[in-house]
Amino acid sequence: MNIDITDFEQFKVVKLTGEVDLHNSREVKNVLLDEVDKQHHVLVDFSELDYIDSSGMATLVEAFNRSKTKQVQFHIVGAVGAPLQVLKLTKLDSVFSLLDSIEQAKG
């Protein structure tokens, strides 16, 4: 798993590559919560994410809830394949804001 953080407009883009699971979800959690706590709007880029397990989903829920408290935007971008199926199976696709592309966050 790899995490890259870049800027896009007013957002911090947190790109997750590979797999997010019990072994590395704490690292993802620390990055996401750090960005939210800094009052940054966050785009979590799933475009190169192959797999995410329940610990990864719990991390996303925690960061999303924190973003609501901090009044910052939190979106998931580019979810396809297995990660999108997990979002749908857990019904989190109706909780999170899912965007097809980073550019879609502009407006």
Protein backbone atom coordinates (compact mmCIF):
# COMPACT_ATOMS: atom_id res chain seq x y z
CA MET A 1 0.00 0.00 0.00
CA ASN A 2 1.19 3.46 -0.84
CA ILE A 3 -0.18 6.87 0.22
CA ASP A 4 0.49 10.02 -1.80
CA ILE A 5 -0.77 13.45 -0.75
CA THR A 6 -1.12 16.24 -3.30
CA ASP A 7 -3.03 19.50 -3.61
CA PHE A 8 -5.95 20.13 -5.95
CA GLU A 9 -7.82 23.43 -5.69
CA GLN A 10 -8.85 23.74 -2.01
CA PHE A 11 -8.49 19.96 -1.43
CA LYS A 12 -5.83 17.62 -0.17
CA VAL A 13 -5.88 14.55 -2.39
CA VAL A 14 -4.96 11.38 -0.49
CA LYS A 15 -4.25 8.73 -3.12
CA LEU A 16 -4.34 5.14 -1.88
CA THR A 17 -2.58 2.57 -4.06
CA GLY A 18 -2.68 -1.20 -3.62
CA GLU A 19 -4.52 -2.70 -0.65
CA VAL A 20 -5.81 -1.22 2.61
CA ASP A 21 -6.20 -3.85 5.31
CA LEU A 22 -5.66 -4.53 8.99
CA HIS A 23 -1.88 -4.28 8.57
CA ASN A 24 -1.85 -0.72 7.23
CA SER A 25 -5.23 0.86 8.00
CA ARG A 26 -3.77 2.66 11.03
CA GLU A 27 -1.37 4.52 8.73
CA VAL A 28 -4.28 5.54 6.48
CA LYS A 29 -6.26 6.61 9.55
CA ASN A 30 -3.41 8.78 10.82
CA VAL A 31 -3.01 10.52 7.45
CA LEU A 32 -6.74 11.15 6.95
CA LEU A 33 -7.36 12.38 10.49
CA ASP A 34 -4.29 14.62 10.32
CA GLU A 35 -5.55 16.29 7.14
CA VAL A 36 -9.08 16.70 8.54
CA ASP A 37 -7.74 18.07 11.83
CA LYS A 38 -5.79 20.67 9.83
CA GLN A 39 -9.16 21.81 8.45
CA HIS A 40 -8.29 20.55 4.95
CA HIS A 41 -11.03 19.41 2.58
CA VAL A 42 -10.14 15.84 1.59
CA LEU A 43 -10.48 13.79 -1.59
CA VAL A 44 -9.63 10.13 -1.00
CA ASP A 45 -8.50 8.84 -4.39
CA PHE A 46 -9.47 5.17 -4.87
CA SER A 47 -8.52 5.08 -8.58
CA GLU A 48 -5.54 2.76 -7.95
CA LEU A 49 -6.91 0.97 -4.88
CA ASP A 50 -7.27 -2.77 -5.47
CA TYR A 51 -8.74 -3.87 -2.14
CA ILE A 52 -10.08 -2.50 1.14
CA ASP A 53 -11.23 -4.55 4.13
CA SER A 54 -13.48 -3.74 7.09
CA SER A 55 -10.67 -2.06 9.03
CA GLY A 56 -10.09 0.25 6.08
CA MET A 57 -13.80 1.01 5.86
CA ALA A 58 -13.89 1.77 9.59
CA THR A 59 -11.00 4.18 9.05
CA LEU A 60 -12.95 5.98 6.32
CA VAL A 61 -16.05 6.22 8.51
CA GLU A 62 -14.02 7.68 11.38
CA ALA A 63 -12.38 10.26 9.11
CA PHE A 64 -15.75 11.11 7.52
CA ASN A 65 -17.35 11.62 10.95
CA ARG A 66 -14.43 13.82 12.03
CA SER A 67 -14.81 15.86 8.83
CA LYS A 68 -18.43 16.56 9.76
CA THR A 69 -17.35 17.77 13.20
CA LYS A 70 -14.63 19.96 11.67
CA GLN A 71 -16.98 21.14 8.90
CA VAL A 72 -14.68 20.14 6.05
CA GLN A 73 -15.55 18.30 2.85
CA PHE A 74 -14.71 14.60 2.54
CA HIS A 75 -15.18 12.77 -0.77
CA ILE A 76 -14.16 9.43 -2.23
CA VAL A 77 -12.99 9.63 -5.83
CA GLY A 78 -12.61 7.01 -8.54
CA ALA A 79 -13.95 3.97 -6.68
CA VAL A 80 -14.24 1.01 -9.06
CA GLY A 81 -14.02 -2.78 -8.89
CA ALA A 82 -13.71 -4.49 -5.51
CA PRO A 83 -13.48 -1.27 -3.42
CA LEU A 84 -16.69 0.03 -4.99
CA GLN A 85 -18.39 -3.31 -4.35
CA VAL A 86 -17.40 -3.13 -0.67
CA LEU A 87 -18.85 0.39 -0.44
CA LYS A 88 -22.10 -0.87 -1.98
CA LEU A 89 -22.32 -4.05 0.14
CA THR A 90 -21.85 -2.05 3.33
CA LYS A 91 -24.27 0.60 2.03
CA LEU A 92 -21.58 3.22 2.63
CA ASP A 93 -22.03 4.37 -0.97
CA SER A 94 -25.12 6.19 0.34
CA VAL A 95 -23.16 7.76 3.21
CA PHE A 96 -20.03 9.00 1.46
CA SER A 97 -19.93 11.47 -1.38
CA LEU A 98 -18.62 9.40 -4.31
CA LEU A 99 -17.13 11.28 -7.25
CA ASP A 100 -16.01 9.82 -10.57
CA SER A 101 -13.00 12.13 -10.91
CA ILE A 102 -10.96 14.65 -8.97
CA GLU A 103 -12.05 17.37 -11.40
CA GLN A 104 -15.66 16.74 -10.39
CA ALA A 105 -14.87 18.25 -6.96
CA LYS A 106 -14.29 21.71 -8.48
CA GLY A 107 -17.83 22.96 -8.48
